[in-house]
């Protein structure tokens, strides 16, 4: 992990302690920074995730990589019982201060502290690419989901329009870190985040990995021109 006077960022080998430490460093202003960097689209992406899960009152839904719980809080608007889990204690502490009513607990996506088939639905938003074994994480999500339960992965992806894709990649690698320096509590972390987005598989490649991990009926929907994709699947 590289360290600078401004903070720290994880390397792309995604060791859990590095990723957790990096997110601890951005926790204080994480939600604000995300809203600024996404031009407010983060709210739309959270609502779209909740809608794709088709939650009903009484359902139990697990939000992995929940961070401060802003996504977990959105899921609870459906009437479902929503629980958030995250590896970063700093993010969880920040969430408990701002959203004390949201159930949040420490949990590793590769070793979730829940019994088999505990949830009707599971979701992971903007966190799957930070796990050092994507396929194992998808299998672990399947383990804690009941047969017939739903999965939605909300993650940065590949814009479908070539011209827009070029502009977007330029923003990621040049403008995003510069903007982060004005609003983030740890702008160096956003260099890693930009690199991890660029290295992430496209929509079709991720769908294949979801299907290979014990999920069926895999489909995806592009949001914001493919900047983000929602991958939906059903537990076989």
C-alpha atoms as a PDB file:
ATOM      1  CA  UNK A   1       0.000   0.000   0.000  1.00  0.00           C
ATOM      2  CA  UNK A   2       1.355   3.404  -0.888  1.00  0.00           C
ATOM      3  CA  UNK A   3       1.333   6.122   1.747  1.00  0.00           C
ATOM      4  CA  UNK A   4       1.584   9.874   1.254  1.00  0.00           C
ATOM      5  CA  UNK A   5       1.295  12.884   3.581  1.00  0.00           C
ATOM      6  CA  UNK A   6      -2.322  13.234   2.427  1.00  0.00           C
ATOM      7  CA  UNK A   7      -3.396   9.671   3.236  1.00  0.00           C
ATOM      8  CA  UNK A   8      -3.234   6.163   1.879  1.00  0.00           C
ATOM      9  CA  UNK A   9      -4.658   3.990  -0.832  1.00  0.00           C
ATOM     10  CA  UNK A  10      -4.840   0.270  -1.423  1.00  0.00           C
ATOM     11  CA  UNK A  11      -2.978  -1.452  -4.214  1.00  0.00           C
ATOM     12  CA  UNK A  12      -4.862  -3.383  -6.889  1.00  0.00           C
ATOM     13  CA  UNK A  13      -4.035  -6.736  -5.273  1.00  0.00           C
ATOM     14  CA  UNK A  14      -6.781  -5.722  -2.795  1.00  0.00           C
ATOM     15  CA  UNK A  15      -5.472  -7.098   0.468  1.00  0.00           C
ATOM     16  CA  UNK A  16      -8.343  -6.832   2.997  1.00  0.00           C
ATOM     17  CA  UNK A  17      -6.404  -4.879   5.633  1.00  0.00           C
ATOM     18  CA  UNK A  18      -5.287  -2.352   3.006  1.00  0.00           C
ATOM     19  CA  UNK A  19      -8.784  -1.871   1.644  1.00  0.00           C
ATOM     20  CA  UNK A  20     -10.240  -1.505   5.148  1.00  0.00           C
ATOM     21  CA  UNK A  21      -7.576   1.028   6.142  1.00  0.00           C
ATOM     22  CA  UNK A  22      -8.148   3.019   2.963  1.00  0.00           C
ATOM     23  CA  UNK A  23     -11.894   3.234   3.582  1.00  0.00           C
ATOM     24  CA  UNK A  24     -11.286   4.137   7.223  1.00  0.00           C
ATOM     25  CA  UNK A  25      -9.419   7.141   5.825  1.00  0.00           C
ATOM     26  CA  UNK A  26     -12.288   8.337   3.626  1.00  0.00           C
ATOM     27  CA  UNK A  27     -15.153   7.594   6.036  1.00  0.00           C
ATOM     28  CA  UNK A  28     -15.567  11.116   7.431  1.00  0.00           C
ATOM     29  CA  UNK A  29     -16.737  12.635   4.131  1.00  0.00           C
ATOM     30  CA  UNK A  30     -17.428   9.547   2.069  1.00  0.00           C
ATOM     31  CA  UNK A  31     -21.111  10.139   1.322  1.00  0.00           C
ATOM     32  CA  UNK A  32     -20.572  13.798   0.398  1.00  0.00           C
ATOM     33  CA  UNK A  33     -17.598  12.943  -1.819  1.00  0.00           C
ATOM     34  CA  UNK A  34     -19.562  10.276  -3.688  1.00  0.00           C
ATOM     35  CA  UNK A  35     -22.422  12.673  -4.374  1.00  0.00           C
ATOM     36  CA  UNK A  36     -20.036  15.340  -5.695  1.00  0.00           C
ATOM     37  CA  UNK A  37     -17.970  12.958  -7.843  1.00  0.00           C
ATOM     38  CA  UNK A  38     -21.059  11.281  -9.334  1.00  0.00           C
ATOM     39  CA  UNK A  39     -22.842  14.612  -9.983  1.00  0.00           C
ATOM     40  CA  UNK A  40     -25.659  13.400  -7.736  1.00  0.00           C
ATOM     41  CA  UNK A  41     -26.208  10.164  -9.681  1.00  0.00           C
ATOM     42  CA  UNK A  42     -25.430   8.063  -6.588  1.00  0.00           C
ATOM     43  CA  UNK A  43     -28.964   8.673  -5.290  1.00  0.00           C
ATOM     44  CA  UNK A  44     -30.476   7.409  -8.549  1.00  0.00           C
ATOM     45  CA  UNK A  45     -28.224   4.317  -8.498  1.00  0.00           C
ATOM     46  CA  UNK A  46     -29.328   3.451  -4.942  1.00  0.00           C
ATOM     47  CA  UNK A  47     -33.011   3.756  -5.859  1.00  0.00           C
ATOM     48  CA  UNK A  48     -32.476   1.617  -8.965  1.00  0.00           C
ATOM     49  CA  UNK A  49     -30.785  -1.064  -6.855  1.00  0.00           C
ATOM     50  CA  UNK A  50     -33.697  -1.158  -4.427  1.00  0.00           C
ATOM     51  CA  UNK A  51     -36.177  -1.429  -7.306  1.00  0.00           C
ATOM     52  CA  UNK A  52     -34.217  -4.241  -8.999  1.00  0.00           C
ATOM     53  CA  UNK A  53     -34.257  -6.324  -5.807  1.00  0.00           C
ATOM     54  CA  UNK A  54     -38.075  -6.345  -5.829  1.00  0.00           C
ATOM     55  CA  UNK A  55     -38.201  -6.282  -2.055  1.00  0.00           C
ATOM     56  CA  UNK A  56     -41.421  -6.822  -0.178  1.00  0.00           C
ATOM     57  CA  UNK A  57     -42.377  -5.957   3.406  1.00  0.00           C
ATOM     58  CA  UNK A  58     -41.064  -8.706   5.657  1.00  0.00           C
ATOM     59  CA  UNK A  59     -38.200  -9.715   3.372  1.00  0.00           C
ATOM     60  CA  UNK A  60     -34.730  -9.966   4.862  1.00  0.00           C
ATOM     61  CA  UNK A  61     -32.053  -8.282   2.728  1.00  0.00           C
ATOM     62  CA  UNK A  62     -28.299  -8.124   3.291  1.00  0.00           C
ATOM     63  CA  UNK A  63     -26.322  -5.139   2.017  1.00  0.00           C
ATOM     64  CA  UNK A  64     -22.645  -6.155   1.740  1.00  0.00           C
ATOM     65  CA  UNK A  65     -20.041  -3.405   1.516  1.00  0.00           C
ATOM     66  CA  UNK A  66     -22.613  -1.106   3.077  1.00  0.00           C
ATOM     67  CA  UNK A  67     -20.102   1.489   4.265  1.00  0.00           C
ATOM     68  CA  UNK A  68     -21.924   4.172   6.228  1.00  0.00           C
ATOM     69  CA  UNK A  69     -25.278   2.495   5.628  1.00  0.00           C
ATOM     70  CA  UNK A  70     -26.676   5.013   3.149  1.00  0.00           C
ATOM     71  CA  UNK A  71     -27.497   2.146   0.754  1.00  0.00           C
ATOM     72  CA  UNK A  72     -28.923   0.012   3.585  1.00  0.00           C
ATOM     73  CA  UNK A  73     -31.194   2.867   4.609  1.00  0.00           C
ATOM     74  CA  UNK A  74     -32.465   3.105   1.029  1.00  0.00           C
ATOM     75  CA  UNK A  75     -33.277  -0.624   0.980  1.00  0.00           C
ATOM     76  CA  UNK A  76     -35.304  -0.284   4.177  1.00  0.00           C
ATOM     77  CA  UNK A  77     -37.667   2.149   2.434  1.00  0.00           C
ATOM     78  CA  UNK A  78     -39.178  -0.944   0.767  1.00  0.00           C
ATOM     79  CA  UNK A  79     -40.435  -2.232   4.113  1.00  0.00           C
ATOM     80  CA  UNK A  80     -37.885  -5.064   4.132  1.00  0.00           C
ATOM     81  CA  UNK A  81     -35.593  -5.689   7.092  1.00  0.00           C
ATOM     82  CA  UNK A  82     -32.232  -4.470   5.790  1.00  0.00           C
ATOM     83  CA  UNK A  83     -28.880  -5.279   7.422  1.00  0.00           C
ATOM     84  CA  UNK A  84     -25.579  -3.748   6.336  1.00  0.00           C
ATOM     85  CA  UNK A  85     -22.135  -5.329   6.641  1.00  0.00           C
ATOM     86  CA  UNK A  86     -18.748  -3.806   5.903  1.00  0.00           C
ATOM     87  CA  UNK A  87     -15.065  -4.553   6.437  1.00  0.00           C
ATOM     88  CA  UNK A  88     -14.152  -0.979   7.437  1.00  0.00           C
ATOM     89  CA  UNK A  89     -14.775  -0.126  11.070  1.00  0.00           C
ATOM     90  CA  UNK A  90     -14.247   3.544  10.269  1.00  0.00           C
ATOM     91  CA  UNK A  91     -17.118   3.468   7.794  1.00  0.00           C
ATOM     92  CA  UNK A  92     -19.347   1.624  10.254  1.00  0.00           C
ATOM     93  CA  UNK A  93     -18.595   4.118  13.047  1.00  0.00           C
ATOM     94  CA  UNK A  94     -19.407   7.003  10.696  1.00  0.00           C
ATOM     95  CA  UNK A  95     -22.647   5.279   9.757  1.00  0.00           C
ATOM     96  CA  UNK A  96     -23.644   4.689  13.357  1.00  0.00           C
ATOM     97  CA  UNK A  97     -23.208   8.400  14.076  1.00  0.00           C
ATOM     98  CA  UNK A  98     -25.381   9.533  11.164  1.00  0.00           C
ATOM     99  CA  UNK A  99     -27.827   6.606  10.894  1.00  0.00           C
ATOM    100  CA  UNK A 100     -28.167   5.052  14.365  1.00  0.00           C
ATOM    101  CA  UNK A 101     -31.404   3.303  13.350  1.00  0.00           C
ATOM    102  CA  UNK A 102     -29.730   1.269  10.564  1.00  0.00           C
ATOM    103  CA  UNK A 103     -28.429  -2.208  11.594  1.00  0.00           C
ATOM    104  CA  UNK A 104     -24.727  -2.252  10.667  1.00  0.00           C
ATOM    105  CA  UNK A 105     -22.107  -4.816  11.573  1.00  0.00           C
ATOM    106  CA  UNK A 106     -18.546  -5.768  10.727  1.00  0.00           C
ATOM    107  CA  UNK A 107     -18.287  -8.473   8.101  1.00  0.00           C
ATOM    108  CA  UNK A 108     -15.927  -9.711   5.402  1.00  0.00           C
ATOM    109  CA  UNK A 109     -17.572 -10.468   2.028  1.00  0.00           C
ATOM    110  CA  UNK A 110     -15.519 -13.689   1.896  1.00  0.00           C
ATOM    111  CA  UNK A 111     -16.632 -14.897   5.359  1.00  0.00           C
ATOM    112  CA  UNK A 112     -20.046 -13.459   6.145  1.00  0.00           C
ATOM    113  CA  UNK A 113     -21.215 -13.978   9.750  1.00  0.00           C
ATOM    114  CA  UNK A 114     -24.569 -15.493   8.795  1.00  0.00           C
ATOM    115  CA  UNK A 115     -25.989 -18.985   8.475  1.00  0.00           C
ATOM    116  CA  UNK A 116     -26.806 -20.577   5.127  1.00  0.00           C
ATOM    117  CA  UNK A 117     -29.981 -19.310   3.428  1.00  0.00           C
ATOM    118  CA  UNK A 118     -30.477 -16.476   5.938  1.00  0.00           C
ATOM    119  CA  UNK A 119     -31.716 -13.848   3.469  1.00  0.00           C
ATOM    120  CA  UNK A 120     -34.370 -13.411   0.812  1.00  0.00           C
ATOM    121  CA  UNK A 121     -32.109 -11.048  -1.105  1.00  0.00           C
ATOM    122  CA  UNK A 122     -28.523  -9.820  -1.072  1.00  0.00           C
ATOM    123  CA  UNK A 123     -26.826  -6.883  -2.717  1.00  0.00           C
ATOM    124  CA  UNK A 124     -23.374  -5.381  -2.988  1.00  0.00           C
ATOM    125  CA  UNK A 125     -22.884  -1.857  -4.317  1.00  0.00           C
ATOM    126  CA  UNK A 126     -19.543  -0.464  -5.480  1.00  0.00           C
ATOM    127  CA  UNK A 127     -17.681  -2.958  -3.315  1.00  0.00           C
ATOM    128  CA  UNK A 128     -17.343  -6.200  -5.253  1.00  0.00           C
ATOM    129  CA  UNK A 129     -14.362  -4.852  -7.185  1.00  0.00           C
ATOM    130  CA  UNK A 130     -12.609  -4.164  -3.856  1.00  0.00           C
ATOM    131  CA  UNK A 131     -12.712  -7.831  -2.792  1.00  0.00           C
ATOM    132  CA  UNK A 132      -9.533  -9.771  -3.586  1.00  0.00           C
ATOM    133  CA  UNK A 133     -11.478 -12.868  -4.742  1.00  0.00           C
ATOM    134  CA  UNK A 134     -14.546 -11.837  -6.722  1.00  0.00           C
ATOM    135  CA  UNK A 135     -15.697 -15.387  -7.463  1.00  0.00           C
ATOM    136  CA  UNK A 136     -15.438 -16.490  -3.829  1.00  0.00           C
ATOM    137  CA  UNK A 137     -17.433 -13.434  -2.757  1.00  0.00           C
ATOM    138  CA  UNK A 138     -20.192 -14.261  -5.244  1.00  0.00           C
ATOM    139  CA  UNK A 139     -20.306 -17.838  -3.899  1.00  0.00           C
ATOM    140  CA  UNK A 140     -20.472 -16.536  -0.339  1.00  0.00           C
ATOM    141  CA  UNK A 141     -23.378 -14.266  -1.262  1.00  0.00           C
ATOM    142  CA  UNK A 142     -25.104 -17.320  -2.722  1.00  0.00           C
ATOM    143  CA  UNK A 143     -24.475 -19.297   0.472  1.00  0.00           C
ATOM    144  CA  UNK A 144     -26.371 -16.846   2.687  1.00  0.00           C
ATOM    145  CA  UNK A 145     -29.290 -16.488   0.233  1.00  0.00           C
ATOM    146  CA  UNK A 146     -32.255 -18.864   0.256  1.00  0.00           C
ATOM    147  CA  UNK A 147     -33.043 -20.845  -2.916  1.00  0.00           C
ATOM    148  CA  UNK A 148     -35.005 -18.576  -5.218  1.00  0.00           C
ATOM    149  CA  UNK A 149     -33.614 -15.481  -3.510  1.00  0.00           C
ATOM    150  CA  UNK A 150     -32.325 -12.490  -5.446  1.00  0.00           C
ATOM    151  CA  UNK A 151     -28.948 -10.876  -5.988  1.00  0.00           C
ATOM    152  CA  UNK A 152     -28.236  -7.398  -7.337  1.00  0.00           C
ATOM    153  CA  UNK A 153     -24.677  -6.217  -7.930  1.00  0.00           C
ATOM    154  CA  UNK A 154     -24.448  -2.470  -8.468  1.00  0.00           C
ATOM    155  CA  UNK A 155     -20.994  -1.663  -9.770  1.00  0.00           C
ATOM    156  CA  UNK A 156     -19.102   0.677 -12.056  1.00  0.00           C
ATOM    157  CA  UNK A 157     -18.864  -0.739 -15.552  1.00  0.00           C
ATOM    158  CA  UNK A 158     -18.036   0.089 -19.179  1.00  0.00           C
ATOM    159  CA  UNK A 159     -19.898   2.890 -20.991  1.00  0.00           C
ATOM    160  CA  UNK A 160     -21.458   1.538 -24.173  1.00  0.00           C
ATOM    161  CA  UNK A 161     -20.915   4.605 -26.371  1.00  0.00           C
ATOM    162  CA  UNK A 162     -17.259   4.746 -27.560  1.00  0.00           C
ATOM    163  CA  UNK A 163     -17.044   8.555 -27.539  1.00  0.00           C
ATOM    164  CA  UNK A 164     -18.597   8.788 -24.087  1.00  0.00           C
ATOM    165  CA  UNK A 165     -16.324   5.978 -22.884  1.00  0.00           C
ATOM    166  CA  UNK A 166     -13.251   7.985 -23.909  1.00  0.00           C
ATOM    167  CA  UNK A 167     -14.477  11.078 -22.067  1.00  0.00           C
ATOM    168  CA  UNK A 168     -15.412   9.003 -19.013  1.00  0.00           C
ATOM    169  CA  UNK A 169     -12.017   7.295 -18.764  1.00  0.00           C
ATOM    170  CA  UNK A 170     -10.314  10.675 -19.026  1.00  0.00           C
ATOM    171  CA  UNK A 171     -12.481  11.944 -16.165  1.00  0.00           C
ATOM    172  CA  UNK A 172     -11.658   8.882 -14.084  1.00  0.00           C
ATOM    173  CA  UNK A 173      -7.901   9.086 -14.442  1.00  0.00           C
ATOM    174  CA  UNK A 174      -7.427  12.862 -14.523  1.00  0.00           C
ATOM    175  CA  UNK A 175     -10.347  14.869 -13.217  1.00  0.00           C
ATOM    176  CA  UNK A 176     -11.736  12.583 -10.513  1.00  0.00           C
ATOM    177  CA  UNK A 177      -8.585  12.614  -8.327  1.00  0.00           C
ATOM    178  CA  UNK A 178      -8.355  16.386  -8.750  1.00  0.00           C
ATOM    179  CA  UNK A 179     -11.981  16.905  -7.692  1.00  0.00           C
ATOM    180  CA  UNK A 180     -11.486  14.498  -4.777  1.00  0.00           C
ATOM    181  CA  UNK A 181      -8.712  16.713  -3.450  1.00  0.00           C
ATOM    182  CA  UNK A 182     -11.270  19.464  -2.850  1.00  0.00           C
ATOM    183  CA  UNK A 183     -13.872  17.400  -0.984  1.00  0.00           C
ATOM    184  CA  UNK A 184     -12.437  14.106   0.305  1.00  0.00           C
ATOM    185  CA  UNK A 185     -10.831  13.477   3.686  1.00  0.00           C
ATOM    186  CA  UNK A 186      -8.328  11.175   1.895  1.00  0.00           C
ATOM    187  CA  UNK A 187      -8.022  12.110  -1.798  1.00  0.00           C
ATOM    188  CA  UNK A 188      -5.221   9.586  -2.437  1.00  0.00           C
ATOM    189  CA  UNK A 189      -7.745   6.784  -1.996  1.00  0.00           C
ATOM    190  CA  UNK A 190      -9.586   8.011  -5.071  1.00  0.00           C
ATOM    191  CA  UNK A 191      -6.546   7.318  -7.245  1.00  0.00           C
ATOM    192  CA  UNK A 192      -6.949   3.630  -6.334  1.00  0.00           C
ATOM    193  CA  UNK A 193     -10.715   3.821  -6.866  1.00  0.00           C
ATOM    194  CA  UNK A 194     -10.225   5.219 -10.368  1.00  0.00           C
ATOM    195  CA  UNK A 195      -7.658   2.521 -11.181  1.00  0.00           C
ATOM    196  CA  UNK A 196      -9.907  -0.234  -9.847  1.00  0.00           C
ATOM    197  CA  UNK A 197     -12.843   0.950 -11.977  1.00  0.00           C
ATOM    198  CA  UNK A 198     -10.697   0.970 -15.098  1.00  0.00           C
ATOM    199  CA  UNK A 199      -9.431  -2.573 -14.366  1.00  0.00           C
ATOM    200  CA  UNK A 200     -12.915  -4.009 -13.678  1.00  0.00           C
ATOM    201  CA  UNK A 201     -14.500  -6.455 -16.201  1.00  0.00           C
ATOM    202  CA  UNK A 202     -17.242  -5.249 -18.512  1.00  0.00           C
ATOM    203  CA  UNK A 203     -20.915  -6.164 -18.238  1.00  0.00           C
ATOM    204  CA  UNK A 204     -20.779  -9.437 -20.142  1.00  0.00           C
ATOM    205  CA  UNK A 205     -17.658 -10.692 -18.375  1.00  0.00           C
ATOM    206  CA  UNK A 206     -19.100  -9.987 -14.934  1.00  0.00           C
ATOM    207  CA  UNK A 207     -22.371 -11.696 -15.869  1.00  0.00           C
ATOM    208  CA  UNK A 208     -20.438 -14.854 -16.751  1.00  0.00           C
ATOM    209  CA  UNK A 209     -18.714 -14.814 -13.366  1.00  0.00           C
ATOM    210  CA  UNK A 210     -22.014 -14.352 -11.533  1.00  0.00           C
ATOM    211  CA  UNK A 211     -23.482 -17.349 -13.376  1.00  0.00           C
ATOM    212  CA  UNK A 212     -20.458 -19.508 -12.584  1.00  0.00           C
ATOM    213  CA  UNK A 213     -20.840 -18.800  -8.856  1.00  0.00           C
ATOM    214  CA  UNK A 214     -24.175 -20.533  -8.338  1.00  0.00           C
ATOM    215  CA  UNK A 215     -26.572 -17.892  -9.616  1.00  0.00           C
ATOM    216  CA  UNK A 216     -29.119 -18.361 -12.386  1.00  0.00           C
ATOM    217  CA  UNK A 217     -31.194 -16.106 -14.652  1.00  0.00           C
ATOM    218  CA  UNK A 218     -28.360 -13.587 -14.813  1.00  0.00           C
ATOM    219  CA  UNK A 219     -29.133 -10.313 -16.572  1.00  0.00           C
ATOM    220  CA  UNK A 220     -27.869  -6.769 -16.438  1.00  0.00           C
ATOM    221  CA  UNK A 221     -29.155  -3.258 -16.973  1.00  0.00           C
ATOM    222  CA  UNK A 222     -26.983  -0.259 -17.774  1.00  0.00           C
ATOM    223  CA  UNK A 223     -27.384   2.958 -15.815  1.00  0.00           C
ATOM    224  CA  UNK A 224     -26.017   6.339 -16.863  1.00  0.00           C
ATOM    225  CA  UNK A 225     -24.921   4.997 -20.225  1.00  0.00           C
ATOM    226  CA  UNK A 226     -23.045   2.055 -18.714  1.00  0.00           C
ATOM    227  CA  UNK A 227     -21.040   4.044 -16.169  1.00  0.00           C
ATOM    228  CA  UNK A 228     -22.821   1.732 -13.729  1.00  0.00           C
ATOM    229  CA  UNK A 229     -24.449  -1.644 -14.373  1.00  0.00           C
ATOM    230  CA  UNK A 230     -26.964  -3.547 -12.276  1.00  0.00           C
ATOM    231  CA  UNK A 231     -26.424  -7.307 -12.508  1.00  0.00           C
ATOM    232  CA  UNK A 232     -29.438  -9.251 -11.274  1.00  0.00           C
ATOM    233  CA  UNK A 233     -29.590 -12.994 -10.618  1.00  0.00           C
ATOM    234  CA  UNK A 234     -31.552 -15.660  -8.741  1.00  0.00           C
ATOM    235  CA  UNK A 235     -30.177 -18.226  -6.293  1.00  0.00           C
ATOM    236  CA  UNK A 236     -30.398 -21.684  -7.858  1.00  0.00           C
END
